[in-house]
C-alpha atoms as a PDB file:
ATOM      1  CA  MET A   1       0.000   0.000   0.000  1.00  0.00           C
ATOM      2  CA  ALA A   2       2.881   2.346   0.737  1.00  0.00           C
ATOM      3  CA  GLY A   3       4.121   1.843  -2.816  1.00  0.00           C
ATOM      4  CA  LEU A   4       0.713   2.734  -4.235  1.00  0.00           C
ATOM      5  CA  ALA A   5       0.542   5.850  -2.071  1.00  0.00           C
ATOM      6  CA  GLN A   6       4.093   6.919  -2.937  1.00  0.00           C
ATOM      7  CA  SER A   7       3.404   6.388  -6.656  1.00  0.00           C
ATOM      8  CA  GLY A   8       0.367   8.659  -6.489  1.00  0.00           C
ATOM      9  CA  TYR A   9      -2.263   6.028  -7.272  1.00  0.00           C
ATOM     10  CA  PHE A  10      -4.461   7.208  -4.393  1.00  0.00           C
ATOM     11  CA  ASP A  11      -4.678  10.626  -6.049  1.00  0.00           C
ATOM     12  CA  ASP A  12      -5.973   9.133  -9.301  1.00  0.00           C
ATOM     13  CA  PRO A  13      -9.816   9.278  -9.524  1.00  0.00           C
ATOM     14  CA  ALA A  14      -9.871   6.256 -11.857  1.00  0.00           C
ATOM     15  CA  PHE A  15      -7.982   4.150  -9.291  1.00  0.00           C
ATOM     16  CA  LEU A  16     -10.286   5.293  -6.483  1.00  0.00           C
ATOM     17  CA  ASN A  17     -13.287   4.288  -8.610  1.00  0.00           C
ATOM     18  CA  TYR A  18     -11.670   0.876  -9.099  1.00  0.00           C
ATOM     19  CA  LEU A  19     -11.295   0.548  -5.313  1.00  0.00           C
ATOM     20  CA  ARG A  20     -14.995   1.437  -4.931  1.00  0.00           C
ATOM     21  CA  HIS A  21     -15.803  -1.286  -7.435  1.00  0.00           C
ATOM     22  CA  LEU A  22     -13.886  -3.822  -5.329  1.00  0.00           C
ATOM     23  CA  ARG A  23     -16.326  -3.339  -2.446  1.00  0.00           C
ATOM     24  CA  TYR A  24     -18.526  -6.012  -4.004  1.00  0.00           C
ATOM     25  CA  TRP A  25     -16.212  -8.507  -2.258  1.00  0.00           C
ATOM     26  CA  ARG A  26     -17.952  -7.532   0.999  1.00  0.00           C
ATOM     27  CA  ARG A  27     -21.216  -9.142  -0.153  1.00  0.00           C
ATOM     28  CA  PRO A  28     -21.811 -12.637   1.291  1.00  0.00           C
ATOM     29  CA  PRO A  29     -21.651 -14.590  -1.998  1.00  0.00           C
ATOM     30  CA  TYR A  30     -18.146 -13.211  -2.584  1.00  0.00           C
ATOM     31  CA  ALA A  31     -16.869 -12.625   0.971  1.00  0.00           C
ATOM     32  CA  ARG A  32     -16.551 -16.330   1.637  1.00  0.00           C
ATOM     33  CA  PHE A  33     -13.745 -16.461  -0.941  1.00  0.00           C
ATOM     34  CA  VAL A  34     -11.685 -13.680   0.675  1.00  0.00           C
ATOM     35  CA  ARG A  35      -8.538 -15.166   2.121  1.00  0.00           C
ATOM     36  CA  TYR A  36      -7.379 -12.093   4.034  1.00  0.00           C
ATOM     37  CA  PRO A  37     -10.400 -10.395   5.660  1.00  0.00           C
ATOM     38  CA  GLN A  38      -8.285  -7.452   6.850  1.00  0.00           C
ATOM     39  CA  ALA A  39      -8.133  -6.378   3.214  1.00  0.00           C
ATOM     40  CA  LEU A  40     -11.845  -5.570   3.356  1.00  0.00           C
ATOM     41  CA  ALA A  41     -11.302  -3.393   6.423  1.00  0.00           C
ATOM     42  CA  VAL A  42      -8.449  -1.540   4.704  1.00  0.00           C
ATOM     43  CA  LEU A  43     -10.586  -1.133   1.588  1.00  0.00           C
ATOM     44  CA  GLU A  44     -13.284   0.505   3.740  1.00  0.00           C
ATOM     45  CA  LEU A  45     -10.653   2.860   5.201  1.00  0.00           C
ATOM     46  CA  LEU A  46      -9.412   3.780   1.722  1.00  0.00           C
ATOM     47  CA  VAL A  47     -12.845   4.441   0.177  1.00  0.00           C
ATOM     48  CA  PRO A  48     -15.609   4.397   2.806  1.00  0.00           C
ATOM     49  CA  GLU A  49     -19.166   4.059   1.544  1.00  0.00           C
ATOM     50  CA  ALA A  50     -20.223   7.030   3.654  1.00  0.00           C
ATOM     51  CA  ALA A  51     -17.709   9.209   1.825  1.00  0.00           C
ATOM     52  CA  ASP A  52     -19.122   8.490  -1.625  1.00  0.00           C
ATOM     53  CA  ALA A  53     -21.659  11.286  -1.261  1.00  0.00           C
ATOM     54  CA  ALA A  54     -18.910  13.811  -0.572  1.00  0.00           C
ATOM     55  CA  ASP A  55     -16.741  12.596  -3.479  1.00  0.00           C
ATOM     56  CA  ALA A  56     -17.265  14.577  -6.669  1.00  0.00           C
ATOM     57  CA  GLY A  57     -16.313  11.576  -8.800  1.00  0.00           C
ATOM     58  CA  SER A  58     -19.352   9.526  -7.826  1.00  0.00           C
ATOM     59  CA  ALA A  59     -22.513  11.062  -9.285  1.00  0.00           C
ATOM     60  CA  ALA A  60     -24.704   8.031  -8.612  1.00  0.00           C
ATOM     61  CA  SER A  61     -23.712   7.958  -4.959  1.00  0.00           C
ATOM     62  CA  ALA A  62     -24.322  11.696  -4.671  1.00  0.00           C
ATOM     63  CA  ALA A  63     -27.822  11.253  -6.094  1.00  0.00           C
ATOM     64  CA  ALA A  64     -28.501   8.476  -3.593  1.00  0.00           C
ATOM     65  CA  ALA A  65     -27.218  10.660  -0.754  1.00  0.00           C
ATOM     66  CA  ALA A  66     -29.406  13.543  -1.942  1.00  0.00           C
ATOM     67  CA  ALA A  67     -32.426  11.245  -1.902  1.00  0.00           C
ATOM     68  CA  GLU A  68     -31.486  10.143   1.612  1.00  0.00           C
ATOM     69  CA  THR A  69     -31.078  13.774   2.656  1.00  0.00           C
ATOM     70  CA  ARG A  70     -34.557  14.608   1.335  1.00  0.00           C
ATOM     71  CA  THR A  71     -35.941  11.627   3.223  1.00  0.00           C
ATOM     72  CA  THR A  72     -34.188  12.472   6.477  1.00  0.00           C
ATOM     73  CA  SER A  73     -34.624  16.242   6.237  1.00  0.00           C
ATOM     74  CA  ARG A  74     -38.098  15.950   7.727  1.00  0.00           C
ATOM     75  CA  SER A  75     -36.508  14.771  10.950  1.00  0.00           C
ATOM     76  CA  GLY A  76     -33.537  17.148  10.714  1.00  0.00           C
ATOM     77  CA  GLY A  77     -31.060  14.335   9.989  1.00  0.00           C
ATOM     78  CA  GLY A  78     -30.097  15.525   6.500  1.00  0.00           C
ATOM     79  CA  ALA A  79     -27.428  17.917   7.709  1.00  0.00           C
ATOM     80  CA  ARG A  80     -26.013  15.266  10.024  1.00  0.00           C
ATOM     81  CA  ALA A  81     -25.841  12.719   7.175  1.00  0.00           C
ATOM     82  CA  ALA A  82     -24.051  15.211   4.921  1.00  0.00           C
ATOM     83  CA  SER A  83     -21.670  16.138   7.723  1.00  0.00           C
ATOM     84  CA  ALA A  84     -20.887  12.466   8.429  1.00  0.00           C
ATOM     85  CA  ALA A  85     -20.237  11.841   4.726  1.00  0.00           C
ATOM     86  CA  ALA A  86     -17.860  14.818   4.569  1.00  0.00           C
ATOM     87  CA  ALA A  87     -16.042  13.622   7.689  1.00  0.00           C
ATOM     88  CA  ALA A  88     -15.680  10.125   6.237  1.00  0.00           C
ATOM     89  CA  ALA A  89     -14.283  11.556   3.000  1.00  0.00           C
ATOM     90  CA  ALA A  90     -11.782  13.705   4.901  1.00  0.00           C
ATOM     91  CA  GLY A  91     -10.731  10.753   7.060  1.00  0.00           C
ATOM     92  CA  ALA A  92     -10.248   8.515   4.023  1.00  0.00           C
ATOM     93  CA  ALA A  93      -8.172  11.169   2.263  1.00  0.00           C
ATOM     94  CA  ALA A  94      -6.000  11.593   5.361  1.00  0.00           C
ATOM     95  CA  PHE A  95      -5.520   7.813   5.619  1.00  0.00           C
ATOM     96  CA  ARG A  96      -4.528   7.591   1.945  1.00  0.00           C
ATOM     97  CA  ARG A  97      -1.965  10.395   2.439  1.00  0.00           C
ATOM     98  CA  ALA A  98      -0.601   8.790   5.618  1.00  0.00           C
ATOM     99  CA  LEU A  99      -0.017   5.497   3.805  1.00  0.00           C
ATOM    100  CA  ALA A 100       2.867   7.137   1.944  1.00  0.00           C
ATOM    101  CA  SER A 101       4.759   6.951   5.246  1.00  0.00           C
ATOM    102  CA  GLN A 102       6.865   3.800   5.433  1.00  0.00           C
ATOM    103  CA  ALA A 103       6.460   3.782   9.222  1.00  0.00           C
ATOM    104  CA  LEU A 104       2.663   3.473   8.987  1.00  0.00           C
ATOM    105  CA  ALA A 105       2.942   0.731   6.367  1.00  0.00           C
ATOM    106  CA  GLU A 106       5.280  -1.226   8.651  1.00  0.00           C
ATOM    107  CA  GLU A 107       2.939  -0.712  11.631  1.00  0.00           C
ATOM    108  CA  ILE A 108      -0.018  -2.074   9.660  1.00  0.00           C
ATOM    109  CA  HIS A 109       2.067  -5.044   8.522  1.00  0.00           C
ATOM    110  CA  THR A 110       3.194  -5.756  12.089  1.00  0.00           C
ATOM    111  CA  GLN A 111      -0.360  -5.617  13.450  1.00  0.00           C
ATOM    112  CA  GLN A 112      -1.588  -7.978  10.732  1.00  0.00           C
ATOM    113  CA  PHE A 113       1.257 -10.370  11.561  1.00  0.00           C
ATOM    114  CA  TYR A 114       0.335 -10.393  15.243  1.00  0.00           C
ATOM    115  CA  TRP A 115      -3.335 -10.943  14.431  1.00  0.00           C
ATOM    116  CA  TRP A 116      -2.553 -13.972  12.278  1.00  0.00           C
ATOM    117  CA  GLN A 117       0.053 -15.253  14.740  1.00  0.00           C
ATOM    118  CA  HIS A 118      -2.551 -15.512  17.487  1.00  0.00           C
ATOM    119  CA  TYR A 119      -5.608 -16.220  15.320  1.00  0.00           C
ATOM    120  CA  ARG A 120      -5.704 -20.001  15.785  1.00  0.00           C
ATOM    121  CA  THR A 121      -5.050 -19.824  19.537  1.00  0.00           C
ATOM    122  CA  ASN A 122      -7.727 -17.178  20.050  1.00  0.00           C
ATOM    123  CA  ARG A 123     -10.324 -19.113  17.993  1.00  0.00           C
ATOM    124  CA  ALA A 124      -9.580 -22.270  20.001  1.00  0.00           C
ATOM    125  CA  LYS A 125     -10.077 -20.319  23.263  1.00  0.00           C
ATOM    126  CA  GLU A 126     -13.353 -18.859  21.992  1.00  0.00           C
ATOM    127  CA  ALA A 127     -14.586 -22.301  20.948  1.00  0.00           C
ATOM    128  CA  ALA A 128     -13.681 -23.773  24.346  1.00  0.00           C
ATOM    129  CA  GLU A 129     -15.402 -20.915  26.184  1.00  0.00           C
ATOM    130  CA  GLY A 130     -18.439 -21.276  23.958  1.00  0.00           C
ATOM    131  CA  VAL A 131     -18.773 -24.994  24.758  1.00  0.00           C
ATOM    132  CA  ALA A 132     -18.357 -24.350  28.483  1.00  0.00           C
ATOM    133  CA  GLY A 133     -20.805 -21.432  28.376  1.00  0.00           C
ATOM    134  CA  ARG A 134     -23.465 -23.514  26.616  1.00  0.00           C
ATOM    135  CA  GLY A 135     -23.420 -26.175  29.284  1.00  0.00           C
ATOM    136  CA  GLY A 136     -20.910 -28.584  27.800  1.00  0.00           C
ATOM    137  CA  VAL A 137     -19.903 -31.838  29.493  1.00  0.00           C
ATOM    138  CA  GLY A 138     -21.400 -31.964  32.963  1.00  0.00           C
ATOM    139  CA  GLY A 139     -23.066 -28.585  32.589  1.00  0.00           C
ATOM    140  CA  GLU A 140     -26.716 -27.546  32.429  1.00  0.00           C
ATOM    141  CA  GLY A 141     -27.098 -29.198  29.029  1.00  0.00           C
ATOM    142  CA  ALA A 142     -26.258 -32.630  30.477  1.00  0.00           C
ATOM    143  CA  ALA A 143     -28.562 -32.094  33.461  1.00  0.00           C
ATOM    144  CA  ALA A 144     -31.409 -31.049  31.189  1.00  0.00           C
ATOM    145  CA  ALA A 145     -30.859 -34.087  28.977  1.00  0.00           C
ATOM    146  CA  ALA A 146     -30.824 -36.408  32.016  1.00  0.00           C
ATOM    147  CA  GLY A 147     -34.004 -34.864  33.391  1.00  0.00           C
ATOM    148  CA  SER A 148     -36.045 -35.404  30.221  1.00  0.00           C
END
C-alpha cells in the first residue's frame, strides 16, 4: 500500500473508482472467498461508503445521498448525514496520504502479523469458552438431557 501511495495512485480518480468497485467482495456470496479479511477493512478505510456522497467523482452515490437527505430532512437528519459523509471523506483522504509513510505501512504489517500469529489460539479459546458457556460436558445441558 505504501508503494501505491508513494506512486500517487491514491490521487488518481480512476484508481479510487476501481477501489470502490472492489467493495462487491464484501457481499456474502463473494466474501466467503476472501482469504485475508483485513483487506476488506483496509478497503473501507481507503474508500468508505459514507464518503461516496462527498466525493465529486461519484454522481450516482451523490444522487442516492441527496435522496437520503430529502428523506431524512423531515426529521432534521439531512445535515447530520451530509456532515458524516464529509467527515468520512476527509478521514479517508488523510488515511490515503498517511499510507505514503513507510512507518505506517510497517505498523499495519506488524499488526496484521500479530493478528494472524494468534488467530488459531484465540479461535480455540473462543470455541472452548463457547462450549463451556453452553453447558458442555457436565453442565446444564447434560442435566437437562438427564431430566427429560
